[in-house]
């Protein structure tokens, strides 16, 4: 499934209209928390193993987390550059469908 339209509100999140007519909205914090980068996957695995894992400190001096920009990667993904400097995750269309907050809420898997 491919998107037909992407709209990035840097303060709020990413809205995607899909080929099947559905629309998904991904808040900035949701996208950052579920980044598919190797670093974030390792952190999520560690948290599953040990719920008392110490999270990396966020730089609050920079203000609230924002999506500074987004760029298409080929015809299969989008890279989002966050205000905290994170930019290594490639969000494939398939991955974005699996982390859609509305779908995750419906199936009871929560937000991450």
Protein backbone atom coordinates (compact mmCIF):
# COMPACT_ATOMS: atom_id res chain seq x y z
CA UNK A 1 0.00 0.00 0.00
CA UNK A 2 1.43 3.35 -1.02
CA UNK A 3 0.50 6.86 0.07
CA UNK A 4 -1.18 9.24 -2.33
CA UNK A 5 -0.48 12.32 -0.18
CA UNK A 6 1.81 13.24 2.72
CA UNK A 7 1.40 16.36 4.84
CA UNK A 8 3.91 17.20 7.58
CA UNK A 9 2.87 19.62 10.31
CA UNK A 10 6.22 20.12 12.02
CA UNK A 11 4.68 20.71 15.44
CA UNK A 12 1.89 18.13 15.33
CA UNK A 13 2.73 15.21 13.07
CA UNK A 14 2.49 13.48 9.72
CA UNK A 15 -0.79 12.88 7.90
CA UNK A 16 -0.83 10.25 5.16
CA UNK A 17 -3.62 9.55 2.71
CA UNK A 18 -3.35 5.99 1.41
CA UNK A 19 -4.32 4.39 -1.91
CA UNK A 20 -7.22 2.58 -0.24
CA UNK A 21 -8.76 5.91 0.81
CA UNK A 22 -7.84 5.72 4.49
CA UNK A 23 -6.04 8.53 6.27
CA UNK A 24 -3.50 8.03 9.04
CA UNK A 25 -2.16 10.62 11.48
CA UNK A 26 1.16 10.06 13.27
CA UNK A 27 1.99 12.49 16.11
CA UNK A 28 5.62 13.66 16.13
CA UNK A 29 6.36 11.98 19.49
CA UNK A 30 4.84 8.69 18.25
CA UNK A 31 7.05 8.72 15.16
CA UNK A 32 10.16 9.52 17.19
CA UNK A 33 9.44 6.85 19.82
CA UNK A 34 8.82 4.20 17.17
CA UNK A 35 11.69 5.17 14.89
CA UNK A 36 12.83 2.14 12.88
CA UNK A 37 16.50 3.09 13.35
CA UNK A 38 18.80 0.41 14.76
CA UNK A 39 19.46 2.54 17.85
CA UNK A 40 15.75 2.87 18.67
CA UNK A 41 15.01 -0.82 17.93
CA UNK A 42 17.76 -1.80 20.38
CA UNK A 43 16.38 0.56 23.02
CA UNK A 44 12.83 -0.83 22.63
CA UNK A 45 14.20 -4.41 22.92
CA UNK A 46 16.12 -3.48 26.07
CA UNK A 47 13.01 -1.87 27.60
CA UNK A 48 11.00 -5.05 26.89
CA UNK A 49 13.70 -7.12 28.62
CA UNK A 50 14.15 -4.70 31.51
CA UNK A 51 11.34 -2.20 32.19
CA UNK A 52 13.70 -0.28 34.50
CA UNK A 53 16.03 0.63 31.64
CA UNK A 54 17.30 4.19 31.92
CA UNK A 55 16.25 6.17 28.88
CA UNK A 56 18.68 8.51 27.15
CA UNK A 57 18.31 12.10 28.32
CA UNK A 58 16.42 14.43 26.01
CA UNK A 59 17.65 17.96 25.54
CA UNK A 60 14.71 19.94 26.89
CA UNK A 61 16.56 23.23 26.34
CA UNK A 62 15.75 22.97 22.64
CA UNK A 63 12.02 23.16 23.31
CA UNK A 64 9.32 20.67 22.35
CA UNK A 65 10.11 17.86 19.93
CA UNK A 66 9.38 18.81 16.32
CA UNK A 67 9.69 17.18 12.93
CA UNK A 68 12.03 19.60 11.19
CA UNK A 69 11.61 18.07 7.74
CA UNK A 70 10.85 14.92 5.80
CA UNK A 71 12.32 13.56 2.60
CA UNK A 72 11.20 10.75 0.35
CA UNK A 73 13.60 7.82 0.04
CA UNK A 74 13.05 6.15 -3.30
CA UNK A 75 9.42 5.14 -3.71
CA UNK A 76 9.24 3.04 -0.55
CA UNK A 77 9.93 5.24 2.51
CA UNK A 78 10.25 8.63 4.14
CA UNK A 79 13.06 9.89 6.40
CA UNK A 80 12.05 12.34 9.12
CA UNK A 81 14.53 14.74 10.65
CA UNK A 82 13.61 15.55 14.26
CA UNK A 83 14.54 18.63 16.28
CA UNK A 84 16.56 16.44 18.69
CA UNK A 85 18.91 15.60 15.81
CA UNK A 86 17.57 12.08 15.16
CA UNK A 87 17.44 11.37 11.42
CA UNK A 88 18.53 7.78 10.83
CA UNK A 89 15.17 6.01 10.70
CA UNK A 90 13.66 5.15 7.32
CA UNK A 91 9.90 4.79 7.69
CA UNK A 92 8.80 2.39 4.96
CA UNK A 93 5.18 2.53 3.87
CA UNK A 94 4.62 -0.98 5.28
CA UNK A 95 6.14 0.02 8.64
CA UNK A 96 4.01 3.16 8.83
CA UNK A 97 0.88 1.07 8.30
CA UNK A 98 1.87 -1.20 11.21
CA UNK A 99 2.47 1.72 13.59
CA UNK A 100 -0.67 3.67 12.66
CA UNK A 101 -1.95 4.89 16.07
CA UNK A 102 -5.61 4.34 15.09
CA UNK A 103 -4.97 0.73 14.06
CA UNK A 104 -2.85 0.02 17.16
CA UNK A 105 -5.66 1.39 19.35
CA UNK A 106 -8.27 -0.79 17.62
CA UNK A 107 -6.24 -3.99 18.03
CA UNK A 108 -5.38 -3.18 21.65
CA UNK A 109 -1.61 -2.95 21.19
CA UNK A 110 -1.44 0.61 22.55
CA UNK A 111 1.01 3.28 21.52
CA UNK A 112 4.30 1.54 21.73
